Protein backbone atom coordinates (compact mmCIF):
# COMPACT_ATOMS: atom_id res chain seq x y z
CA MET A 1 -42.78 82.43 107.69
CA VAL A 2 -41.11 85.29 105.81
CA ASN A 3 -39.18 84.12 102.75
CA ALA A 4 -35.67 85.34 101.89
CA SER A 5 -36.77 87.74 99.15
CA THR A 6 -39.30 89.47 101.40
CA ARG A 7 -36.73 89.69 104.19
CA TYR A 8 -34.38 91.60 101.89
CA TYR A 9 -37.12 94.10 101.10
CA VAL A 10 -37.68 94.56 104.82
CA GLU A 11 -33.94 95.27 105.12
CA LEU A 12 -34.36 97.81 102.32
CA VAL A 13 -36.95 99.64 104.40
CA ILE A 14 -34.70 99.54 107.49
CA MET A 15 -31.79 100.92 105.48
CA SER A 16 -34.00 103.69 104.10
CA ALA A 17 -35.10 104.57 107.63
CA ILE A 18 -31.44 104.82 108.70
CA TRP A 19 -30.47 106.94 105.70
CA GLY A 20 -33.55 109.09 106.16
CA SER A 21 -32.40 109.91 109.68
CA SER A 22 -29.12 111.34 108.32
CA PHE A 23 -30.88 114.59 107.41
CA LEU A 24 -32.28 114.77 110.94
CA PHE A 25 -28.78 114.44 112.41
CA LEU A 26 -27.44 117.03 109.95
CA ARG A 27 -30.13 119.42 111.08
CA ILE A 28 -29.23 118.85 114.74
CA ALA A 29 -25.45 119.02 114.48
CA ALA A 30 -24.72 121.51 111.67
CA PRO A 31 -25.56 124.66 113.69
CA GLU A 32 -23.22 123.54 116.50
CA PHE A 33 -20.22 122.35 114.49
CA GLY A 34 -20.56 124.10 111.15
CA PRO A 35 -20.52 122.24 107.82
CA PHE A 36 -16.80 121.48 107.52
CA LEU A 37 -16.10 120.14 111.00
CA LEU A 38 -19.34 118.17 111.06
CA ILE A 39 -18.57 116.39 107.78
CA GLN A 40 -14.96 115.83 108.86
CA MET A 41 -16.24 113.95 111.90
CA ARG A 42 -18.86 112.14 109.83
CA VAL A 43 -16.39 110.68 107.33
CA LEU A 44 -13.74 110.05 109.99
CA THR A 45 -16.06 107.97 112.18
CA ALA A 46 -17.32 106.14 109.10
CA VAL A 47 -13.84 105.32 107.82
CA ILE A 48 -12.97 103.85 111.23
CA VAL A 49 -15.79 101.36 110.60
CA MET A 50 -15.28 100.76 106.88
CA LEU A 51 -11.50 100.65 106.40
CA PRO A 52 -10.83 97.63 108.66
CA ILE A 53 -13.68 95.77 106.93
CA CYS A 54 -12.18 96.66 103.55
CA VAL A 55 -8.81 95.27 104.59
CA ALA A 56 -10.35 92.17 106.21
CA PHE A 57 -12.22 91.33 103.01
CA GLY A 58 -9.09 91.74 100.89
CA LYS A 59 -10.25 94.84 99.01
CA TRP A 60 -7.32 97.11 99.90
CA GLY A 61 -5.53 96.15 96.68
CA GLU A 62 -8.52 97.30 94.62
CA LEU A 63 -8.52 100.62 96.45
CA VAL A 64 -4.82 101.23 95.80
CA ALA A 65 -5.00 100.14 92.15
CA ASN A 66 -7.85 102.55 91.41
CA TRP A 67 -6.98 105.37 93.80
CA ARG A 68 -7.03 108.16 91.20
CA VAL A 69 -10.62 107.57 90.12
CA ILE A 70 -11.68 106.84 93.71
CA PHE A 71 -10.14 110.17 94.70
CA MET A 72 -12.38 111.93 92.16
CA VAL A 73 -15.36 109.99 93.47
CA SER A 74 -14.51 111.09 97.02
CA LEU A 75 -14.70 114.72 95.89
CA THR A 76 -17.98 114.39 93.98
CA ASN A 77 -19.74 111.82 96.15
CA MET A 78 -18.69 112.73 99.68
CA ALA A 79 -16.35 115.61 100.57
CA VAL A 80 -18.00 118.44 98.62
CA PRO A 81 -21.68 117.36 98.49
CA PHE A 82 -21.70 116.32 102.15
CA CYS A 83 -20.51 119.83 103.08
CA LEU A 84 -23.07 121.45 100.78
CA PHE A 85 -25.89 119.50 102.40
CA ALA A 86 -24.58 120.37 105.86
CA PHE A 87 -24.61 124.04 104.84
CA ALA A 88 -28.16 123.70 103.51
CA ALA A 89 -29.19 122.13 106.82
CA LEU A 90 -28.57 125.48 108.49
CA SER A 91 -31.60 126.92 106.69
CA MET A 92 -33.75 123.94 105.62
CA GLY A 93 -35.67 121.25 107.45
CA SER A 94 -34.56 117.62 107.31
CA GLY A 95 -37.59 116.55 105.28
CA LEU A 96 -36.97 119.15 102.59
CA LEU A 97 -33.29 118.20 102.44
CA SER A 98 -34.21 114.60 101.72
CA ILE A 99 -36.66 115.62 98.99
CA MET A 100 -33.95 117.71 97.35
CA ASN A 101 -31.66 114.69 97.60
CA ALA A 102 -34.21 112.68 95.61
CA THR A 103 -33.41 114.81 92.53
CA VAL A 104 -30.09 112.98 92.07
CA PRO A 105 -31.51 110.69 89.30
CA PHE A 106 -32.40 113.78 87.24
CA PHE A 107 -28.83 115.07 87.29
CA THR A 108 -27.45 111.58 86.71
CA ALA A 109 -29.52 111.25 83.54
CA LEU A 110 -28.71 114.76 82.33
CA ILE A 111 -24.95 114.30 82.82
CA GLY A 112 -25.11 110.88 81.16
CA PHE A 113 -26.82 112.52 78.19
CA ALA A 114 -24.63 115.64 77.95
CA VAL A 115 -21.23 114.09 78.66
CA PHE A 116 -21.48 110.40 77.79
CA GLY A 117 -24.04 110.41 75.00
CA GLN A 118 -26.60 108.36 76.92
CA ARG A 119 -30.04 108.40 75.32
CA LEU A 120 -32.97 110.07 77.05
CA SER A 121 -36.53 109.03 76.32
CA LEU A 122 -39.42 111.45 76.08
CA LEU A 123 -40.77 109.96 79.33
CA SER A 124 -37.46 110.71 81.07
CA LEU A 125 -37.52 114.33 79.93
CA LEU A 126 -41.11 114.68 81.06
CA GLY A 127 -40.16 113.09 84.40
CA MET A 128 -37.44 115.70 84.92
CA ALA A 129 -39.91 118.49 84.19
CA VAL A 130 -42.35 117.02 86.71
CA GLY A 131 -39.62 116.56 89.32
CA PHE A 132 -38.20 120.05 89.05
CA THR A 133 -41.72 121.43 89.20
CA GLY A 134 -41.88 119.73 92.60
CA VAL A 135 -38.70 121.53 93.64
CA ILE A 136 -40.23 124.86 92.60
CA VAL A 137 -43.30 124.08 94.70
CA LEU A 138 -41.06 123.46 97.72
CA VAL A 139 -39.07 126.65 97.19
CA PHE A 140 -42.21 128.75 97.25
CA ASP A 141 -43.54 127.19 100.45
CA PRO A 142 -43.49 130.18 102.85
CA ASP A 143 -43.74 127.92 105.91
CA ALA A 144 -40.72 125.79 104.97
CA ILE A 145 -38.14 128.02 103.28
CA ASP A 146 -37.41 131.64 104.13
CA ILE A 147 -35.91 133.00 100.93
CA ALA A 148 -34.93 136.27 102.60
CA GLU A 149 -32.93 134.45 105.31
CA GLY A 150 -30.70 132.35 103.10
CA GLY A 151 -33.27 129.77 102.06
CA LEU A 152 -32.67 130.22 98.35
CA LEU A 153 -28.91 129.81 98.80
CA ALA A 154 -29.56 126.64 100.79
CA VAL A 155 -31.69 125.25 97.96
CA CYS A 156 -28.93 126.04 95.45
CA ALA A 157 -26.35 124.33 97.68
CA ALA A 158 -28.50 121.20 97.96
CA LEU A 159 -29.10 121.06 94.20
CA CYS A 160 -25.37 121.55 93.53
CA ALA A 161 -24.69 118.62 95.84
CA CYS A 162 -27.17 116.51 93.88
CA PHE A 163 -25.45 117.53 90.63
CA LEU A 164 -22.14 116.28 92.06
CA TYR A 165 -23.79 113.02 93.14
CA GLY A 166 -24.96 112.62 89.55
CA MET A 167 -21.40 113.11 88.32
CA ALA A 168 -20.11 110.53 90.79
CA ILE A 169 -22.69 107.93 89.75
CA ASN A 170 -21.74 108.32 86.10
CA LEU A 171 -18.05 108.14 87.00
CA VAL A 172 -18.45 104.97 89.06
CA SER A 173 -20.66 103.25 86.48
CA ARG A 174 -18.14 103.86 83.71
CA LYS A 175 -14.72 103.81 85.39
CA LEU A 176 -15.16 101.59 88.45
CA ILE A 177 -17.67 99.03 87.28
CA ALA A 178 -15.34 96.13 88.15
CA VAL A 179 -14.29 97.55 91.53
CA SER A 180 -16.12 96.46 94.69
CA GLY A 181 -18.39 98.92 96.45
CA LEU A 182 -16.51 98.28 99.67
CA ALA A 183 -13.24 99.49 98.13
CA ILE A 184 -14.90 102.54 96.55
CA THR A 185 -16.67 103.56 99.75
CA SER A 186 -13.69 102.98 102.03
CA GLY A 187 -11.35 104.85 99.71
CA SER A 188 -13.78 107.74 99.29
CA LEU A 189 -14.16 108.06 103.06
CA LEU A 190 -10.39 107.90 103.56
CA PHE A 191 -9.64 110.58 100.98
CA SER A 192 -12.48 112.80 102.20
CA SER A 193 -11.32 112.62 105.81
CA VAL A 194 -7.87 113.84 104.71
CA LEU A 195 -9.14 116.52 102.31
CA LEU A 196 -11.35 118.14 104.95
CA VAL A 197 -8.66 118.49 107.63
CA PRO A 198 -7.48 122.03 106.71
CA PHE A 199 -11.06 123.30 106.43
CA SER A 200 -12.28 121.72 109.66
CA ILE A 201 -9.33 123.04 111.69
CA HIS A 202 -10.54 126.59 111.04
CA SER A 203 -14.12 125.68 111.99
CA LEU A 204 -13.70 124.62 115.60
CA PRO A 205 -16.69 125.71 117.76
CA ASP A 206 -16.24 128.33 120.46
CA THR A 207 -18.07 126.21 123.04
CA MET A 208 -18.25 122.46 123.49
CA PRO A 209 -21.49 121.05 121.99
CA SER A 210 -23.85 119.06 124.20
CA ALA A 211 -23.83 115.29 124.55
CA SER A 212 -26.94 114.95 122.38
CA VAL A 213 -25.21 116.74 119.52
CA TRP A 214 -22.17 114.49 119.84
CA ALA A 215 -24.53 111.50 119.75
CA ALA A 216 -26.06 112.84 116.53
CA VAL A 217 -22.59 113.13 114.97
CA THR A 218 -21.70 109.58 116.01
CA ALA A 219 -24.96 108.21 114.61
CA LEU A 220 -24.43 110.16 111.40
CA GLY A 221 -20.96 108.73 110.86
CA ILE A 222 -21.26 105.14 112.07
CA GLY A 223 -24.94 104.44 111.39
CA CYS A 224 -25.95 106.64 108.46
CA THR A 225 -22.66 106.37 106.59
CA GLY A 226 -20.73 103.24 107.60
CA LEU A 227 -23.57 100.83 108.43
CA ALA A 228 -25.96 102.15 105.76
CA TYR A 229 -23.38 101.73 102.99
CA LEU A 230 -22.66 98.18 104.12
CA MET A 231 -26.37 97.37 103.98
CA PHE A 232 -26.65 99.10 100.60
CA TYR A 233 -23.98 97.00 98.92
CA ARG A 234 -25.25 93.81 100.58
CA LEU A 235 -28.71 94.44 99.13
CA ILE A 236 -27.29 95.15 95.68
CA ALA A 237 -25.69 91.70 95.81
CA LYS A 238 -28.92 90.05 97.00
CA ILE A 239 -31.73 91.76 95.07
CA GLY A 240 -29.86 93.79 92.44
CA SER A 241 -29.21 97.49 91.95
CA GLU A 242 -32.52 98.17 90.19
CA GLN A 243 -34.52 97.10 93.24
CA THR A 244 -32.11 98.54 95.79
CA ILE A 245 -32.37 101.99 94.21
CA MET A 246 -36.02 102.01 95.26
CA THR A 247 -34.65 103.47 98.49
CA ALA A 248 -34.86 106.84 96.68
CA TYR A 249 -38.62 106.72 97.19
CA LEU A 250 -38.49 105.70 100.84
CA ILE A 251 -35.81 108.02 102.24
CA PRO A 252 -37.85 111.25 101.89
CA LEU A 253 -40.85 109.62 103.56
CA PHE A 254 -38.79 108.53 106.56
CA SER A 255 -36.96 111.84 106.73
CA LEU A 256 -40.24 113.77 106.80
CA MET A 257 -41.47 111.50 109.57
CA TRP A 258 -38.28 111.84 111.68
CA GLY A 259 -38.31 115.62 111.28
CA TYR A 260 -41.96 115.79 112.32
CA LEU A 261 -41.51 113.49 115.34
CA PHE A 262 -38.21 114.77 116.75
CA LEU A 263 -37.87 118.36 115.51
CA SER A 264 -41.55 119.30 115.21
CA GLU A 265 -41.03 120.23 111.57
CA SER A 266 -44.29 121.02 109.83
CA ILE A 267 -45.53 118.97 106.89
CA THR A 268 -47.51 121.42 104.79
CA SER A 269 -49.61 120.87 101.68
CA PHE A 270 -46.72 122.39 99.70
CA THR A 271 -44.36 119.80 101.19
CA VAL A 272 -46.65 116.89 100.32
CA LEU A 273 -47.30 118.14 96.77
CA GLY A 274 -43.63 118.90 96.13
CA CYS A 275 -42.57 115.50 97.47
CA LEU A 276 -45.11 113.65 95.32
CA LEU A 277 -44.06 115.55 92.19
CA VAL A 278 -40.35 114.90 92.81
CA LEU A 279 -40.88 111.18 93.46
CA LEU A 280 -43.20 110.84 90.47
CA GLY A 281 -40.55 112.55 88.36
CA VAL A 282 -37.90 110.14 89.67
CA GLY A 283 -40.07 107.17 88.72
CA MET A 284 -40.65 108.53 85.22
CA THR A 285 -37.01 109.49 84.65
CA THR A 286 -35.59 106.17 85.82
CA GLY A 287 -38.39 104.01 84.45
CA LYS A 288 -38.87 102.53 87.92
CA LEU A 289 -42.60 103.07 88.40
CA SER A 290 -43.21 99.35 87.93
CA GLY A 291 -40.41 98.62 90.39
CA LEU A 292 -42.08 100.85 92.95
CA LEU A 293 -45.28 98.83 92.61
CA LYS A 294 -43.30 95.62 93.08
CA LEU A 295 -41.70 97.04 96.22
CA ALA A 296 -45.11 98.00 97.61
CA THR A 297 -46.39 94.47 96.93
CA SER A 298 -43.39 92.89 98.68
CA LEU A 299 -43.84 95.11 101.73
CA ARG A 300 -47.55 94.27 101.89
CA ARG A 301 -46.73 90.55 101.84
CA ALA A 302 -44.15 91.09 104.59
CA SER A 303 -46.75 92.77 106.76
CA GLU A 304 -49.15 89.89 106.25
CA ALA A 305 -46.59 87.18 106.99
């Protein structure tokens, strides 16, 4: 029989699989809708799921009381970076997008150091160097990124998005530490859905996208944003944030797999090497290498149960 702790780690894997598929859906829908309209629909469908839950759990008061900071979080954690990733999806595969997304801990640590005086160990600095070396390996993969056809701009957009995510994490950890994740997420989705209206209006497609593309948008909003965030905050409450953040290692692996299975995206030696370097750098920067081993042990036990 699977114990409660192991069950939560299985949920962590399921959540990572769902979040990993978000890059697949971005890759499918972005060319049809464009970045602005796609993200408008993503946050709108997600807020339809999250806002009623926020109200039902009595968190609306928290949202209103902290709306100014939550508004800033909506800009740096959803509205702008979501659009940047959707733009990058026009020129990059879903697997590479997810690997770029794994650089968020580097920017989080750098911003914490530069702006908030957070200390950085020598191991953390070395981890960043290793991780960004992985990014360089990915950029120079001729089979994955066409620099002449906007690939370099797509990489810059993805890294800018990760920089903004790093800002948002520092902002939340210092200004919203006592506010529930449900209130922060619901408020961020609400503000983002309003902010993107004027941009999305001017991005309407000339022809109606197919049913499969609409399905991808629905899955992106309800599953990869609404449901995934609910699972994320549930796991933080059950196994803690330090273990839950292990999802950073799993998302790229699932995203590479989904891209290979459903979009026939190639997994080259450059991709594998770059991914390993980025994830190793994340482990060194965050000091979570031991946590990764613990996660692997828990998953092995779950498979044996």
